[in-house]
Amino acid sequence: MGYYKYHVFFCSNQRAPGETCCNARGATEMRNYAKDKLKALELSGPGKVRINSAGCLDRCDSGPVLVVYPEAVWYTYIDKGDIDEIIDSHLVRGQVVDRLKI
């Protein structure tokens, strides 16, 4: 196993006004929410999960997006409920959330 069991990258790119981008759809807020939730669950840190912001992941039309490594599973999400499902299913139980995959 690597340094982290899972490494999650949230696209938080901010494009010019009027252009489609993940950050305009709440990506930074959702990244912060995920990070706080994992800390509360004591699932963050070495050997566990790392949440990061990423620059443009070039999938903004499907966004907002995040990608979970090492499996390279790409997700879209709408709200905190979707983030909770990704955390509970994928990051806790190791089960991919098919309905959110892109």
PDB file of N, CA and C in Angstrom:
ATOM      1  N   MET A   1       0.840  -1.179   0.000  1.00  0.00           N
ATOM      2  CA  MET A   1       0.000   0.000   0.000  1.00  0.00           C
ATOM      3  C   MET A   1       0.883   1.240   0.000  1.00  0.00           C
ATOM      4  N   GLY A   2       0.390   2.296  -0.664  1.00  0.00           N
ATOM      5  CA  GLY A   2       1.101   3.560  -0.696  1.00  0.00           C
ATOM      6  C   GLY A   2       0.979   4.295   0.627  1.00  0.00           C
ATOM      7  N   TYR A   3       1.406   5.530   0.622  1.00  0.00           N
ATOM      8  CA  TYR A   3       1.374   6.355   1.825  1.00  0.00           C
ATOM      9  C   TYR A   3      -0.054   6.565   2.322  1.00  0.00           C
ATOM     10  N   TYR A   4      -0.995   6.694   1.361  1.00  0.00           N
ATOM     11  CA  TYR A   4      -2.419   6.810   1.689  1.00  0.00           C
ATOM     12  C   TYR A   4      -3.155   5.632   1.082  1.00  0.00           C
ATOM     13  N   LYS A   5      -4.190   5.173   1.745  1.00  0.00           N
ATOM     14  CA  LYS A   5      -5.032   4.128   1.168  1.00  0.00           C
ATOM     15  C   LYS A   5      -5.786   4.698  -0.021  1.00  0.00           C
ATOM     16  N   TYR A   6      -6.324   5.906   0.143  1.00  0.00           N
ATOM     17  CA  TYR A   6      -7.012   6.607  -0.937  1.00  0.00           C
ATOM     18  C   TYR A   6      -6.508   8.043  -0.997  1.00  0.00           C
ATOM     19  N   HIS A   7      -6.387   8.542  -2.212  1.00  0.00           N
ATOM     20  CA  HIS A   7      -6.032   9.938  -2.436  1.00  0.00           C
ATOM     21  C   HIS A   7      -7.122  10.521  -3.323  1.00  0.00           C
ATOM     22  N   VAL A   8      -7.824  11.528  -2.815  1.00  0.00           N
ATOM     23  CA  VAL A   8      -8.984  12.092  -3.497  1.00  0.00           C
ATOM     24  C   VAL A   8      -8.646  13.507  -3.963  1.00  0.00           C
ATOM     25  N   PHE A   9      -8.830  13.744  -5.250  1.00  0.00           N
ATOM     26  CA  PHE A   9      -8.568  15.052  -5.834  1.00  0.00           C
ATOM     27  C   PHE A   9      -9.880  15.685  -6.287  1.00  0.00           C
ATOM     28  N   PHE A  10     -10.199  16.836  -5.732  1.00  0.00           N
ATOM     29  CA  PHE A  10     -11.358  17.616  -6.137  1.00  0.00           C
ATOM     30  C   PHE A  10     -10.901  18.661  -7.139  1.00  0.00           C
ATOM     31  N   CYS A  11     -11.489  18.655  -8.328  1.00  0.00           N
ATOM     32  CA  CYS A  11     -11.213  19.734  -9.263  1.00  0.00           C
ATOM     33  C   CYS A  11     -11.788  21.001  -8.651  1.00  0.00           C
ATOM     34  N   SER A  12     -10.950  21.994  -8.474  1.00  0.00           N
ATOM     35  CA  SER A  12     -11.414  23.265  -7.911  1.00  0.00           C
ATOM     36  C   SER A  12     -11.006  24.417  -8.822  1.00  0.00           C
ATOM     37  N   ASN A  13     -10.907  24.109 -10.101  1.00  0.00           N
ATOM     38  CA  ASN A  13     -10.519  25.115 -11.078  1.00  0.00           C
ATOM     39  C   ASN A  13     -11.568  26.217 -11.163  1.00  0.00           C
ATOM     40  N   GLN A  14     -11.087  27.449 -11.272  1.00  0.00           N
ATOM     41  CA  GLN A  14     -11.973  28.602 -11.447  1.00  0.00           C
ATOM     42  C   GLN A  14     -11.666  29.233 -12.793  1.00  0.00           C
ATOM     43  N   ARG A  15     -12.621  29.139 -13.704  1.00  0.00           N
ATOM     44  CA  ARG A  15     -12.478  29.747 -15.019  1.00  0.00           C
ATOM     45  C   ARG A  15     -13.106  31.137 -15.027  1.00  0.00           C
ATOM     46  N   ALA A  16     -12.992  31.806 -16.132  1.00  0.00           N
ATOM     47  CA  ALA A  16     -13.560  33.146 -16.289  1.00  0.00           C
ATOM     48  C   ALA A  16     -15.076  33.109 -16.101  1.00  0.00           C
ATOM     49  N   PRO A  17     -15.663  34.224 -15.651  1.00  0.00           N
ATOM     50  CA  PRO A  17     -17.119  34.275 -15.480  1.00  0.00           C
ATOM     51  C   PRO A  17     -17.849  33.837 -16.750  1.00  0.00           C
ATOM     52  N   GLY A  18     -18.871  32.996 -16.550  1.00  0.00           N
ATOM     53  CA  GLY A  18     -19.660  32.499 -17.665  1.00  0.00           C
ATOM     54  C   GLY A  18     -19.160  31.208 -18.263  1.00  0.00           C
ATOM     55  N   GLU A  19     -17.922  30.819 -17.947  1.00  0.00           N
ATOM     56  CA  GLU A  19     -17.371  29.557 -18.443  1.00  0.00           C
ATOM     57  C   GLU A  19     -17.667  28.453 -17.441  1.00  0.00           C
ATOM     58  N   THR A  20     -17.961  27.258 -17.937  1.00  0.00           N
ATOM     59  CA  THR A  20     -18.239  26.115 -17.083  1.00  0.00           C
ATOM     60  C   THR A  20     -16.978  25.727 -16.313  1.00  0.00           C
ATOM     61  N   CYS A  21     -17.142  25.589 -15.002  1.00  0.00           N
ATOM     62  CA  CYS A  21     -16.015  25.122 -14.190  1.00  0.00           C
ATOM     63  C   CYS A  21     -16.538  24.515 -12.894  1.00  0.00           C
ATOM     64  N   CYS A  22     -15.737  23.640 -12.315  1.00  0.00           N
ATOM     65  CA  CYS A  22     -16.144  22.934 -11.101  1.00  0.00           C
ATOM     66  C   CYS A  22     -16.291  23.865  -9.902  1.00  0.00           C
ATOM     67  N   ASN A  23     -15.400  24.823  -9.780  1.00  0.00           N
ATOM     68  CA  ASN A  23     -15.454  25.686  -8.599  1.00  0.00           C
ATOM     69  C   ASN A  23     -16.721  26.529  -8.569  1.00  0.00           C
ATOM     70  N   ALA A  24     -17.210  26.926  -9.729  1.00  0.00           N
ATOM     71  CA  ALA A  24     -18.461  27.690  -9.789  1.00  0.00           C
ATOM     72  C   ALA A  24     -19.658  26.838  -9.372  1.00  0.00           C
ATOM     73  N   ARG A  25     -19.465  25.520  -9.314  1.00  0.00           N
ATOM     74  CA  ARG A  25     -20.526  24.592  -8.899  1.00  0.00           C
ATOM     75  C   ARG A  25     -20.309  24.084  -7.476  1.00  0.00           C
ATOM     76  N   GLY A  26     -19.500  24.785  -6.703  1.00  0.00           N
ATOM     77  CA  GLY A  26     -19.358  24.464  -5.285  1.00  0.00           C
ATOM     78  C   GLY A  26     -18.252  23.492  -4.923  1.00  0.00           C
ATOM     79  N   ALA A  27     -17.277  23.306  -5.796  1.00  0.00           N
ATOM     80  CA  ALA A  27     -16.231  22.307  -5.551  1.00  0.00           C
ATOM     81  C   ALA A  27     -15.415  22.581  -4.290  1.00  0.00           C
ATOM     82  N   THR A  28     -15.037  23.819  -4.061  1.00  0.00           N
ATOM     83  CA  THR A  28     -14.230  24.119  -2.873  1.00  0.00           C
ATOM     84  C   THR A  28     -15.010  23.847  -1.599  1.00  0.00           C
ATOM     85  N   GLU A  29     -16.285  24.234  -1.572  1.00  0.00           N
ATOM     86  CA  GLU A  29     -17.130  23.960  -0.410  1.00  0.00           C
ATOM     87  C   GLU A  29     -17.251  22.456  -0.156  1.00  0.00           C
ATOM     88  N   MET A  30     -17.432  21.671  -1.217  1.00  0.00           N
ATOM     89  CA  MET A  30     -17.580  20.223  -1.061  1.00  0.00           C
ATOM     90  C   MET A  30     -16.261  19.570  -0.651  1.00  0.00           C
ATOM     91  N   ARG A  31     -15.147  20.094  -1.157  1.00  0.00           N
ATOM     92  CA  ARG A  31     -13.837  19.582  -0.725  1.00  0.00           C
ATOM     93  C   ARG A  31     -13.658  19.818   0.762  1.00  0.00           C
ATOM     94  N   ASN A  32     -13.968  21.012   1.213  1.00  0.00           N
ATOM     95  CA  ASN A  32     -13.843  21.331   2.636  1.00  0.00           C
ATOM     96  C   ASN A  32     -14.763  20.447   3.480  1.00  0.00           C
ATOM     97  N   TYR A  33     -15.968  20.222   2.992  1.00  0.00           N
ATOM     98  CA  TYR A  33     -16.913  19.350   3.695  1.00  0.00           C
ATOM     99  C   TYR A  33     -16.350  17.932   3.818  1.00  0.00           C
ATOM    100  N   ALA A  34     -15.840  17.392   2.705  1.00  0.00           N
ATOM    101  CA  ALA A  34     -15.277  16.034   2.719  1.00  0.00           C
ATOM    102  C   ALA A  34     -14.092  15.939   3.671  1.00  0.00           C
ATOM    103  N   LYS A  35     -13.235  16.935   3.621  1.00  0.00           N
ATOM    104  CA  LYS A  35     -12.059  16.942   4.493  1.00  0.00           C
ATOM    105  C   LYS A  35     -12.471  16.956   5.964  1.00  0.00           C
ATOM    106  N   ASP A  36     -13.425  17.813   6.306  1.00  0.00           N
ATOM    107  CA  ASP A  36     -13.900  17.894   7.693  1.00  0.00           C
ATOM    108  C   ASP A  36     -14.578  16.593   8.134  1.00  0.00           C
ATOM    109  N   LYS A  37     -15.355  15.998   7.252  1.00  0.00           N
ATOM    110  CA  LYS A  37     -16.047  14.755   7.602  1.00  0.00           C
ATOM    111  C   LYS A  37     -15.047  13.628   7.850  1.00  0.00           C
ATOM    112  N   LEU A  38     -14.030  13.520   6.990  1.00  0.00           N
ATOM    113  CA  LEU A  38     -13.024  12.470   7.184  1.00  0.00           C
ATOM    114  C   LEU A  38     -12.245  12.669   8.472  1.00  0.00           C
ATOM    115  N   LYS A  39     -11.947  13.916   8.821  1.00  0.00           N
ATOM    116  CA  LYS A  39     -11.282  14.183  10.096  1.00  0.00           C
ATOM    117  C   LYS A  39     -12.170  13.756  11.263  1.00  0.00           C
ATOM    118  N   ALA A  40     -13.456  14.084  11.191  1.00  0.00           N
ATOM    119  CA  ALA A  40     -14.388  13.712  12.262  1.00  0.00           C
ATOM    120  C   ALA A  40     -14.506  12.199  12.402  1.00  0.00           C
ATOM    121  N   LEU A  41     -14.407  11.497  11.279  1.00  0.00           N
ATOM    122  CA  LEU A  41     -14.466  10.029  11.292  1.00  0.00           C
ATOM    123  C   LEU A  41     -13.117   9.392  11.602  1.00  0.00           C
ATOM    124  N   GLU A  42     -12.109  10.225  11.804  1.00  0.00           N
ATOM    125  CA  GLU A  42     -10.730   9.777  12.047  1.00  0.00           C
ATOM    126  C   GLU A  42     -10.212   8.907  10.909  1.00  0.00           C
ATOM    127  N   LEU A  43     -10.535   9.324   9.681  1.00  0.00           N
ATOM    128  CA  LEU A  43     -10.108   8.595   8.486  1.00  0.00           C
ATOM    129  C   LEU A  43      -9.101   9.373   7.646  1.00  0.00           C
ATOM    130  N   SER A  44      -8.594  10.482   8.160  1.00  0.00           N
ATOM    131  CA  SER A  44      -7.629  11.258   7.384  1.00  0.00           C
ATOM    132  C   SER A  44      -6.222  11.037   7.929  1.00  0.00           C
ATOM    133  N   GLY A  45      -5.246  11.129   7.020  1.00  0.00           N
ATOM    134  CA  GLY A  45      -3.851  11.017   7.422  1.00  0.00           C
ATOM    135  C   GLY A  45      -3.175   9.810   6.814  1.00  0.00           C
ATOM    136  N   PRO A  46      -1.895   9.626   7.111  1.00  0.00           N
ATOM    137  CA  PRO A  46      -1.115   8.520   6.552  1.00  0.00           C
ATOM    138  C   PRO A  46      -1.784   7.172   6.787  1.00  0.00           C
ATOM    139  N   GLY A  47      -1.811   6.358   5.738  1.00  0.00           N
ATOM    140  CA  GLY A  47      -2.430   5.043   5.802  1.00  0.00           C
ATOM    141  C   GLY A  47      -3.938   5.087   5.663  1.00  0.00           C
ATOM    142  N   LYS A  48      -4.483   6.289   5.571  1.00  0.00           N
ATOM    143  CA  LYS A  48      -5.932   6.455   5.478  1.00  0.00           C
ATOM    144  C   LYS A  48      -6.275   7.205   4.201  1.00  0.00           C
ATOM    145  N   VAL A  49      -6.922   8.364   4.326  1.00  0.00           N
ATOM    146  CA  VAL A  49      -7.394   9.117   3.162  1.00  0.00           C
ATOM    147  C   VAL A  49      -6.800  10.519   3.157  1.00  0.00           C
ATOM    148  N   ARG A  50      -6.428  10.977   1.991  1.00  0.00           N
ATOM    149  CA  ARG A  50      -5.952  12.350   1.794  1.00  0.00           C
ATOM    150  C   ARG A  50      -6.886  13.038   0.806  1.00  0.00           C
ATOM    151  N   ILE A  51      -7.387  14.205   1.178  1.00  0.00           N
ATOM    152  CA  ILE A  51      -8.227  15.025   0.304  1.00  0.00           C
ATOM    153  C   ILE A  51      -7.381  16.190  -0.182  1.00  0.00           C
ATOM    154  N   ASN A  52      -7.378  16.418  -1.491  1.00  0.00           N
ATOM    155  CA  ASN A  52      -6.622  17.517  -2.086  1.00  0.00           C
ATOM    156  C   ASN A  52      -7.463  18.291  -3.082  1.00  0.00           C
ATOM    157  N   SER A  53      -7.102  19.549  -3.254  1.00  0.00           N
ATOM    158  CA  SER A  53      -7.610  20.333  -4.370  1.00  0.00           C
ATOM    159  C   SER A  53      -6.720  20.065  -5.554  1.00  0.00           C
ATOM    160  N   ALA A  54      -7.311  20.061  -6.717  1.00  0.00           N
ATOM    161  CA  ALA A  54      -6.539  19.916  -7.945  1.00  0.00           C
ATOM    162  C   ALA A  54      -6.816  21.122  -8.816  1.00  0.00           C
ATOM    163  N   GLY A  55      -5.895  21.405  -9.678  1.00  0.00           N
ATOM    164  CA  GLY A  55      -6.173  22.385 -10.713  1.00  0.00           C
ATOM    165  C   GLY A  55      -7.192  21.770 -11.653  1.00  0.00           C
ATOM    166  N   CYS A  56      -7.278  22.270 -12.830  1.00  0.00           N
ATOM    167  CA  CYS A  56      -8.270  21.770 -13.776  1.00  0.00           C
ATOM    168  C   CYS A  56      -8.000  20.305 -14.119  1.00  0.00           C
ATOM    169  N   LEU A  57      -9.024  19.482 -13.935  1.00  0.00           N
ATOM    170  CA  LEU A  57      -8.940  18.073 -14.315  1.00  0.00           C
ATOM    171  C   LEU A  57      -9.529  17.844 -15.705  1.00  0.00           C
ATOM    172  N   ASP A  58      -9.946  18.938 -16.351  1.00  0.00           N
ATOM    173  CA  ASP A  58     -10.415  18.943 -17.742  1.00  0.00           C
ATOM    174  C   ASP A  58     -11.661  18.097 -17.969  1.00  0.00           C
ATOM    175  N   ARG A  59     -12.527  18.026 -16.946  1.00  0.00           N
ATOM    176  CA  ARG A  59     -13.806  17.307 -17.078  1.00  0.00           C
ATOM    177  C   ARG A  59     -14.952  18.189 -16.578  1.00  0.00           C
ATOM    178  N   CYS A  60     -14.779  19.482 -16.695  1.00  0.00           N
ATOM    179  CA  CYS A  60     -15.750  20.430 -16.134  1.00  0.00           C
ATOM    180  C   CYS A  60     -17.155  20.255 -16.704  1.00  0.00           C
ATOM    181  N   ASP A  61     -17.272  19.807 -17.948  1.00  0.00           N
ATOM    182  CA  ASP A  61     -18.598  19.603 -18.519  1.00  0.00           C
ATOM    183  C   ASP A  61     -19.360  18.497 -17.804  1.00  0.00           C
ATOM    184  N   SER A  62     -18.656  17.616 -17.112  1.00  0.00           N
ATOM    185  CA  SER A  62     -19.279  16.545 -16.332  1.00  0.00           C
ATOM    186  C   SER A  62     -19.348  16.907 -14.856  1.00  0.00           C
ATOM    187  N   GLY A  63     -18.929  18.108 -14.520  1.00  0.00           N
ATOM    188  CA  GLY A  63     -18.654  18.499 -13.158  1.00  0.00           C
ATOM    189  C   GLY A  63     -19.823  18.963 -12.348  1.00  0.00           C
ATOM    190  N   PRO A  64     -19.511  19.195 -11.092  1.00  0.00           N
ATOM    191  CA  PRO A  64     -18.177  19.147 -10.531  1.00  0.00           C
ATOM    192  C   PRO A  64     -17.666  17.709 -10.447  1.00  0.00           C
ATOM    193  N   VAL A  65     -16.352  17.557 -10.448  1.00  0.00           N
ATOM    194  CA  VAL A  65     -15.768  16.225 -10.458  1.00  0.00           C
ATOM    195  C   VAL A  65     -14.710  16.064  -9.371  1.00  0.00           C
ATOM    196  N   LEU A  66     -14.519  14.795  -9.019  1.00  0.00           N
ATOM    197  CA  LEU A  66     -13.408  14.392  -8.172  1.00  0.00           C
ATOM    198  C   LEU A  66     -12.932  13.039  -8.676  1.00  0.00           C
ATOM    199  N   VAL A  67     -11.703  12.701  -8.352  1.00  0.00           N
ATOM    200  CA  VAL A  67     -11.161  11.399  -8.746  1.00  0.00           C
ATOM    201  C   VAL A  67     -10.516  10.762  -7.520  1.00  0.00           C
ATOM    202  N   VAL A  68     -10.750   9.455  -7.365  1.00  0.00           N
ATOM    203  CA  VAL A  68     -10.226   8.693  -6.229  1.00  0.00           C
ATOM    204  C   VAL A  68      -9.144   7.755  -6.743  1.00  0.00           C
ATOM    205  N   TYR A  69      -7.953   7.897  -6.184  1.00  0.00           N
ATOM    206  CA  TYR A  69      -6.849   6.994  -6.490  1.00  0.00           C
ATOM    207  C   TYR A  69      -6.590   6.122  -5.281  1.00  0.00           C
ATOM    208  N   PRO A  70      -6.118   4.885  -5.457  1.00  0.00           N
ATOM    209  CA  PRO A  70      -5.384   4.401  -6.622  1.00  0.00           C
ATOM    210  C   PRO A  70      -6.240   3.826  -7.748  1.00  0.00           C
ATOM    211  N   GLU A  71      -7.565   3.711  -7.562  1.00  0.00           N
ATOM    212  CA  GLU A  71      -8.384   3.072  -8.601  1.00  0.00           C
ATOM    213  C   GLU A  71      -8.656   3.961  -9.800  1.00  0.00           C
ATOM    214  N   ALA A  72      -8.420   5.253  -9.684  1.00  0.00           N
ATOM    215  CA  ALA A  72      -8.711   6.224 -10.746  1.00  0.00           C
ATOM    216  C   ALA A  72     -10.191   6.212 -11.108  1.00  0.00           C
ATOM    217  N   VAL A  73     -11.039   6.245 -10.080  1.00  0.00           N
ATOM    218  CA  VAL A  73     -12.487   6.298 -10.275  1.00  0.00           C
ATOM    219  C   VAL A  73     -12.899   7.770 -10.254  1.00  0.00           C
ATOM    220  N   TRP A  74     -13.557   8.192 -11.326  1.00  0.00           N
ATOM    221  CA  TRP A  74     -14.027   9.563 -11.476  1.00  0.00           C
ATOM    222  C   TRP A  74     -15.493   9.652 -11.065  1.00  0.00           C
ATOM    223  N   TYR A  75     -15.804  10.674 -10.270  1.00  0.00           N
ATOM    224  CA  TYR A  75     -17.166  10.910  -9.823  1.00  0.00           C
ATOM    225  C   TYR A  75     -17.600  12.334 -10.125  1.00  0.00           C
ATOM    226  N   THR A  76     -18.895  12.491 -10.299  1.00  0.00           N
ATOM    227  CA  THR A  76     -19.535  13.788 -10.237  1.00  0.00           C
ATOM    228  C   THR A  76     -20.410  13.784  -8.995  1.00  0.00           C
ATOM    229  N   TYR A  77     -20.823  14.948  -8.557  1.00  0.00           N
ATOM    230  CA  TYR A  77     -21.642  15.055  -7.349  1.00  0.00           C
ATOM    231  C   TYR A  77     -22.453  16.340  -7.423  1.00  0.00           C
ATOM    232  N   ILE A  78     -23.521  16.369  -6.650  1.00  0.00           N
ATOM    233  CA  ILE A  78     -24.383  17.545  -6.610  1.00  0.00           C
ATOM    234  C   ILE A  78     -24.327  18.231  -5.250  1.00  0.00           C
ATOM    235  N   ASP A  79     -24.359  17.426  -4.193  1.00  0.00           N
ATOM    236  CA  ASP A  79     -24.505  17.999  -2.862  1.00  0.00           C
ATOM    237  C   ASP A  79     -23.774  17.157  -1.810  1.00  0.00           C
ATOM    238  N   LYS A  80     -23.936  17.546  -0.569  1.00  0.00           N
ATOM    239  CA  LYS A  80     -23.279  16.846   0.540  1.00  0.00           C
ATOM    240  C   LYS A  80     -23.726  15.396   0.646  1.00  0.00           C
ATOM    241  N   GLY A  81     -24.973  15.114   0.275  1.00  0.00           N
ATOM    242  CA  GLY A  81     -25.449  13.733   0.285  1.00  0.00           C
ATOM    243  C   GLY A  81     -24.644  12.852  -0.650  1.00  0.00           C
ATOM    244  N   ASP A  82     -24.285  13.371  -1.825  1.00  0.00           N
ATOM    245  CA  ASP A  82     -23.447  12.615  -2.760  1.00  0.00           C
ATOM    246  C   ASP A  82     -22.047  12.415  -2.191  1.00  0.00           C
ATOM    247  N   ILE A  83     -21.501  13.451  -1.571  1.00  0.00           N
ATOM    248  CA  ILE A  83     -20.168  13.330  -0.952  1.00  0.00           C
ATOM    249  C   ILE A  83     -20.216  12.304   0.169  1.00  0.00           C
ATOM    250  N   ASP A  84     -21.273  12.339   0.984  1.00  0.00           N
ATOM    251  CA  ASP A  84     -21.426  11.342   2.056  1.00  0.00           C
ATOM    252  C   ASP A  84     -21.455   9.928   1.480  1.00  0.00           C
ATOM    253  N   GLU A  85     -22.166   9.750   0.372  1.00  0.00           N
ATOM    254  CA  GLU A  85     -22.255   8.425  -0.236  1.00  0.00           C
ATOM    255  C   GLU A  85     -20.900   7.959  -0.759  1.00  0.00           C
ATOM    256  N   ILE A  86     -20.141   8.850  -1.373  1.00  0.00           N
ATOM    257  CA  ILE A  86     -18.798   8.495  -1.853  1.00  0.00           C
ATOM    258  C   ILE A  86     -17.905   8.116  -0.677  1.00  0.00           C
ATOM    259  N   ILE A  87     -17.966   8.886   0.393  1.00  0.00           N
ATOM    260  CA  ILE A  87     -17.151   8.581   1.573  1.00  0.00           C
ATOM    261  C   ILE A  87     -17.570   7.247   2.172  1.00  0.00           C
ATOM    262  N   ASP A  88     -18.862   7.098   2.459  1.00  0.00           N
ATOM    263  CA  ASP A  88     -19.344   5.890   3.132  1.00  0.00           C
ATOM    264  C   ASP A  88     -19.158   4.633   2.286  1.00  0.00           C
ATOM    265  N   SER A  89     -19.437   4.726   1.005  1.00  0.00           N
ATOM    266  CA  SER A  89     -19.346   3.538   0.148  1.00  0.00           C
ATOM    267  C   SER A  89     -17.925   3.264  -0.315  1.00  0.00           C
ATOM    268  N   HIS A  90     -17.296   4.246  -0.952  1.00  0.00           N
ATOM    269  CA  HIS A  90     -15.987   4.001  -1.567  1.00  0.00           C
ATOM    270  C   HIS A  90     -14.843   4.075  -0.553  1.00  0.00           C
ATOM    271  N   LEU A  91     -14.794   5.156   0.210  1.00  0.00           N
ATOM    272  CA  LEU A  91     -13.635   5.361   1.086  1.00  0.00           C
ATOM    273  C   LEU A  91     -13.690   4.543   2.369  1.00  0.00           C
ATOM    274  N   VAL A  92     -14.875   4.187   2.826  1.00  0.00           N
ATOM    275  CA  VAL A  92     -14.989   3.369   4.034  1.00  0.00           C
ATOM    276  C   VAL A  92     -15.102   1.886   3.689  1.00  0.00           C
ATOM    277  N   ARG A  93     -16.011   1.547   2.745  1.00  0.00           N
ATOM    278  CA  ARG A  93     -16.274   0.134   2.446  1.00  0.00           C
ATOM    279  C   ARG A  93     -15.601  -0.378   1.173  1.00  0.00           C
ATOM    280  N   GLY A  94     -14.968   0.504   0.408  1.00  0.00           N
ATOM    281  CA  GLY A  94     -14.280   0.065  -0.804  1.00  0.00           C
ATOM    282  C   GLY A  94     -15.201  -0.266  -1.962  1.00  0.00           C
ATOM    283  N   GLN A  95     -16.438   0.228  -1.927  1.00  0.00           N
ATOM    284  CA  GLN A  95     -17.409  -0.054  -2.987  1.00  0.00           C
ATOM    285  C   GLN A  95     -17.636   1.198  -3.831  1.00  0.00           C
ATOM    286  N   VAL A  96     -17.410   1.071  -5.136  1.00  0.00           N
ATOM    287  CA  VAL A  96     -17.589   2.183  -6.058  1.00  0.00           C
ATOM    288  C   VAL A  96     -19.076   2.554  -6.118  1.00  0.00           C
ATOM    289  N   VAL A  97     -19.339   3.847  -6.181  1.00  0.00           N
ATOM    290  CA  VAL A  97     -20.710   4.360  -6.282  1.00  0.00           C
ATOM    291  C   VAL A  97     -21.021   4.525  -7.772  1.00  0.00           C
ATOM    292  N   ASP A  98     -21.609   3.493  -8.360  1.00  0.00           N
ATOM    293  CA  ASP A  98     -21.837   3.478  -9.805  1.00  0.00           C
ATOM    294  C   ASP A  98     -22.690   4.645 -10.287  1.00  0.00           C
ATOM    295  N   ARG A  99     -23.688   5.052  -9.533  1.00  0.00           N
ATOM    296  CA  ARG A  99     -24.596   6.099 -10.012  1.00  0.00           C
ATOM    297  C   ARG A  99     -23.917   7.461 -10.149  1.00  0.00           C
ATOM    298  N   LEU A 100     -22.769   7.657  -9.483  1.00  0.00           N
ATOM    299  CA  LEU A 100     -22.049   8.931  -9.550  1.00  0.00           C
ATOM    300  C   LEU A 100     -20.807   8.864 -10.435  1.00  0.00           C
ATOM    301  N   LYS A 101     -20.478   7.691 -10.948  1.00  0.00           N
ATOM    302  CA  LYS A 101     -19.294   7.547 -11.803  1.00  0.00           C
ATOM    303  C   LYS A 101     -19.471   8.274 -13.116  1.00  0.00           C
ATOM    304  N   ILE A 102     -18.370   8.837 -13.601  1.00  0.00           N
ATOM    305  CA  ILE A 102     -18.360   9.415 -14.938  1.00  0.00           C
ATOM    306  C   ILE A 102     -17.257   8.752 -15.740  1.00  0.00           C
TER     307      ILE A 102
END
